[in-house]
Amino acid sequence: MNGLKQFIVALIFVISPATMAKDLMPETVSTSDGVVTAQFDLSHMGQDCGLLVKWGDGTEKKIRVGRDVNEKDFTITHSYLNGGGYIFEVKGSTIKKGLGTVFACQGKTYRQAICIGK
């Protein structure tokens, strides 16, 4: 019975929300002349993980946080070809890349409306 209690305590520790990400929200998002820049600090993740950034115009970027970029401070940019309204989205995504595969960053998907042009 003691072994079962230890297993349950270990399981609770592993899936505890304290080890989960808060949100996948950037620290800042700015727009200038059709270029959007998002700055992140995902150091609260505590491990390497994957993000999928959707710019709303059909283009996407996969990022291995902790491998492709430093989780403490990284910036991504995107240039829009046409004016209009777009939805900028950041969500966790498993990224398969041989031995460099990372599981999805855990946290709430971030979405923001972006207006380019007029």
C-alpha atoms as a PDB file:
ATOM      1  CA  MET A   1       0.000   0.000   0.000  1.00  0.00           C
ATOM      2  CA  ASN A   2       2.892   2.369   0.762  1.00  0.00           C
ATOM      3  CA  GLY A   3       4.223   1.878  -2.778  1.00  0.00           C
ATOM      4  CA  LEU A   4       0.840   2.909  -4.219  1.00  0.00           C
ATOM      5  CA  LYS A   5       0.879   6.140  -2.175  1.00  0.00           C
ATOM      6  CA  GLN A   6       4.383   6.943  -3.423  1.00  0.00           C
ATOM      7  CA  PHE A   7       3.271   6.295  -7.016  1.00  0.00           C
ATOM      8  CA  ILE A   8       0.258   8.607  -6.645  1.00  0.00           C
ATOM      9  CA  VAL A   9       2.381  11.373  -5.092  1.00  0.00           C
ATOM     10  CA  ALA A  10       4.950  11.005  -7.909  1.00  0.00           C
ATOM     11  CA  LEU A  11       2.186  11.094 -10.537  1.00  0.00           C
ATOM     12  CA  ILE A  12       0.665  14.240  -9.039  1.00  0.00           C
ATOM     13  CA  PHE A  13       4.095  15.897  -9.062  1.00  0.00           C
ATOM     14  CA  VAL A  14       4.664  14.988 -12.724  1.00  0.00           C
ATOM     15  CA  ILE A  15       1.325  16.396 -13.931  1.00  0.00           C
ATOM     16  CA  SER A  16       1.156  19.270 -11.469  1.00  0.00           C
ATOM     17  CA  PRO A  17       0.078  22.603 -13.018  1.00  0.00           C
ATOM     18  CA  ALA A  18       3.154  24.179 -11.444  1.00  0.00           C
ATOM     19  CA  THR A  19       5.254  22.415 -14.079  1.00  0.00           C
ATOM     20  CA  MET A  20       2.920  23.440 -16.904  1.00  0.00           C
ATOM     21  CA  ALA A  21       3.295  26.633 -18.896  1.00  0.00           C
ATOM     22  CA  LYS A  22       1.087  29.574 -18.121  1.00  0.00           C
ATOM     23  CA  ASP A  23       0.106  30.871 -21.532  1.00  0.00           C
ATOM     24  CA  LEU A  24       2.022  30.935 -24.771  1.00  0.00           C
ATOM     25  CA  MET A  25       1.558  34.702 -24.861  1.00  0.00           C
ATOM     26  CA  PRO A  26       4.363  36.904 -26.196  1.00  0.00           C
ATOM     27  CA  GLU A  27       5.785  39.601 -23.931  1.00  0.00           C
ATOM     28  CA  THR A  28       5.166  42.157 -26.696  1.00  0.00           C
ATOM     29  CA  VAL A  29       3.644  42.251 -30.178  1.00  0.00           C
ATOM     30  CA  SER A  30       4.290  45.296 -32.361  1.00  0.00           C
ATOM     31  CA  THR A  31       3.432  46.290 -35.913  1.00  0.00           C
ATOM     32  CA  SER A  32       5.286  48.701 -38.166  1.00  0.00           C
ATOM     33  CA  ASP A  33       4.972  49.127 -41.940  1.00  0.00           C
ATOM     34  CA  GLY A  34       3.442  45.686 -42.509  1.00  0.00           C
ATOM     35  CA  VAL A  35       5.961  43.874 -40.286  1.00  0.00           C
ATOM     36  CA  VAL A  36       4.849  42.188 -37.059  1.00  0.00           C
ATOM     37  CA  THR A  37       7.410  41.484 -34.337  1.00  0.00           C
ATOM     38  CA  ALA A  38       6.670  39.268 -31.329  1.00  0.00           C
ATOM     39  CA  GLN A  39       9.082  38.958 -28.402  1.00  0.00           C
ATOM     40  CA  PHE A  40       8.828  35.941 -26.071  1.00  0.00           C
ATOM     41  CA  ASP A  41      10.109  34.794 -22.699  1.00  0.00           C
ATOM     42  CA  LEU A  42       9.107  31.148 -22.256  1.00  0.00           C
ATOM     43  CA  SER A  43      11.708  30.335 -19.605  1.00  0.00           C
ATOM     44  CA  HIS A  44       8.856  29.182 -17.327  1.00  0.00           C
ATOM     45  CA  MET A  45       8.555  26.082 -19.540  1.00  0.00           C
ATOM     46  CA  GLY A  46      11.509  24.408 -17.883  1.00  0.00           C
ATOM     47  CA  GLN A  47      12.226  22.148 -20.857  1.00  0.00           C
ATOM     48  CA  ASP A  48      12.578  22.170 -24.638  1.00  0.00           C
ATOM     49  CA  CYS A  49       9.244  22.202 -26.469  1.00  0.00           C
ATOM     50  CA  GLY A  50       7.644  23.059 -29.808  1.00  0.00           C
ATOM     51  CA  LEU A  51       5.588  26.038 -30.962  1.00  0.00           C
ATOM     52  CA  LEU A  52       3.600  26.573 -34.115  1.00  0.00           C
ATOM     53  CA  VAL A  53       3.162  30.231 -35.098  1.00  0.00           C
ATOM     54  CA  LYS A  54       0.408  30.982 -37.608  1.00  0.00           C
ATOM     55  CA  TRP A  55       0.499  34.463 -39.084  1.00  0.00           C
ATOM     56  CA  GLY A  56      -3.048  34.413 -40.495  1.00  0.00           C
ATOM     57  CA  ASP A  57      -2.027  34.810 -44.129  1.00  0.00           C
ATOM     58  CA  GLY A  58      -1.362  31.115 -44.719  1.00  0.00           C
ATOM     59  CA  THR A  59       2.261  31.128 -43.550  1.00  0.00           C
ATOM     60  CA  GLU A  60       3.435  29.221 -40.487  1.00  0.00           C
ATOM     61  CA  LYS A  61       6.652  28.848 -38.538  1.00  0.00           C
ATOM     62  CA  LYS A  62       7.661  25.903 -36.346  1.00  0.00           C
ATOM     63  CA  ILE A  63      10.001  26.758 -33.470  1.00  0.00           C
ATOM     64  CA  ARG A  64      11.828  24.375 -31.150  1.00  0.00           C
ATOM     65  CA  VAL A  65      12.055  26.450 -27.971  1.00  0.00           C
ATOM     66  CA  GLY A  66      15.337  25.688 -26.213  1.00  0.00           C
ATOM     67  CA  ARG A  67      16.893  24.287 -29.416  1.00  0.00           C
ATOM     68  CA  ASP A  68      16.267  26.702 -32.296  1.00  0.00           C
ATOM     69  CA  VAL A  69      15.864  29.702 -29.987  1.00  0.00           C
ATOM     70  CA  ASN A  70      16.768  30.606 -26.408  1.00  0.00           C
ATOM     71  CA  GLU A  71      13.635  30.166 -24.287  1.00  0.00           C
ATOM     72  CA  LYS A  72      14.504  33.187 -22.115  1.00  0.00           C
ATOM     73  CA  ASP A  73      14.352  35.804 -24.852  1.00  0.00           C
ATOM     74  CA  PHE A  74      13.585  35.328 -28.532  1.00  0.00           C
ATOM     75  CA  THR A  75      11.951  37.396 -31.236  1.00  0.00           C
ATOM     76  CA  ILE A  76      10.123  36.388 -34.394  1.00  0.00           C
ATOM     77  CA  THR A  77       9.076  38.650 -37.255  1.00  0.00           C
ATOM     78  CA  HIS A  78       6.821  38.382 -40.262  1.00  0.00           C
ATOM     79  CA  SER A  79       6.207  40.688 -43.236  1.00  0.00           C
ATOM     80  CA  TYR A  80       2.724  40.801 -44.716  1.00  0.00           C
ATOM     81  CA  LEU A  81       2.428  41.271 -48.476  1.00  0.00           C
ATOM     82  CA  ASN A  82      -1.097  42.708 -48.375  1.00  0.00           C
ATOM     83  CA  GLY A  83      -3.011  44.977 -46.035  1.00  0.00           C
ATOM     84  CA  GLY A  84      -5.993  43.663 -44.132  1.00  0.00           C
ATOM     85  CA  GLY A  85      -6.997  41.876 -40.959  1.00  0.00           C
ATOM     86  CA  TYR A  86      -5.194  38.764 -39.782  1.00  0.00           C
ATOM     87  CA  ILE A  87      -5.241  36.470 -36.749  1.00  0.00           C
ATOM     88  CA  PHE A  88      -1.785  35.878 -35.225  1.00  0.00           C
ATOM     89  CA  GLU A  89      -1.784  32.547 -33.354  1.00  0.00           C
ATOM     90  CA  VAL A  90       0.774  30.756 -31.168  1.00  0.00           C
ATOM     91  CA  LYS A  91       0.137  27.210 -29.966  1.00  0.00           C
ATOM     92  CA  GLY A  92       2.053  24.176 -28.775  1.00  0.00           C
ATOM     93  CA  SER A  93       3.035  21.655 -31.431  1.00  0.00           C
ATOM     94  CA  THR A  94       5.149  18.505 -31.447  1.00  0.00           C
ATOM     95  CA  ILE A  95       7.983  19.007 -33.926  1.00  0.00           C
ATOM     96  CA  LYS A  96       9.598  15.886 -35.347  1.00  0.00           C
ATOM     97  CA  LYS A  97      13.216  16.317 -36.393  1.00  0.00           C
ATOM     98  CA  GLY A  98      15.154  13.082 -35.840  1.00  0.00           C
ATOM     99  CA  LEU A  99      16.903  13.108 -32.482  1.00  0.00           C
ATOM    100  CA  GLY A 100      15.910  16.775 -32.107  1.00  0.00           C
ATOM    101  CA  THR A 101      12.190  16.006 -31.799  1.00  0.00           C
ATOM    102  CA  VAL A 102      10.385  18.058 -29.137  1.00  0.00           C
ATOM    103  CA  PHE A 103       6.903  17.718 -27.680  1.00  0.00           C
ATOM    104  CA  ALA A 104       4.370  20.539 -27.794  1.00  0.00           C
ATOM    105  CA  CYS A 105       4.769  23.437 -25.360  1.00  0.00           C
ATOM    106  CA  GLN A 106       1.986  23.212 -22.817  1.00  0.00           C
ATOM    107  CA  GLY A 107      -0.196  26.242 -22.321  1.00  0.00           C
ATOM    108  CA  LYS A 108      -3.192  28.126 -23.569  1.00  0.00           C
ATOM    109  CA  THR A 109      -3.173  29.011 -27.277  1.00  0.00           C
ATOM    110  CA  TYR A 110      -2.591  32.730 -27.856  1.00  0.00           C
ATOM    111  CA  ARG A 111      -4.512  34.623 -30.538  1.00  0.00           C
ATOM    112  CA  GLN A 112      -4.420  38.289 -31.473  1.00  0.00           C
ATOM    113  CA  ALA A 113      -6.062  40.248 -34.267  1.00  0.00           C
ATOM    114  CA  ILE A 114      -3.553  42.122 -36.417  1.00  0.00           C
ATOM    115  CA  CYS A 115      -4.512  45.006 -38.698  1.00  0.00           C
ATOM    116  CA  ILE A 116      -2.077  45.790 -41.527  1.00  0.00           C
ATOM    117  CA  GLY A 117      -2.385  48.860 -43.727  1.00  0.00           C
ATOM    118  CA  LYS A 118      -5.206  51.368 -43.640  1.00  0.00           C
END
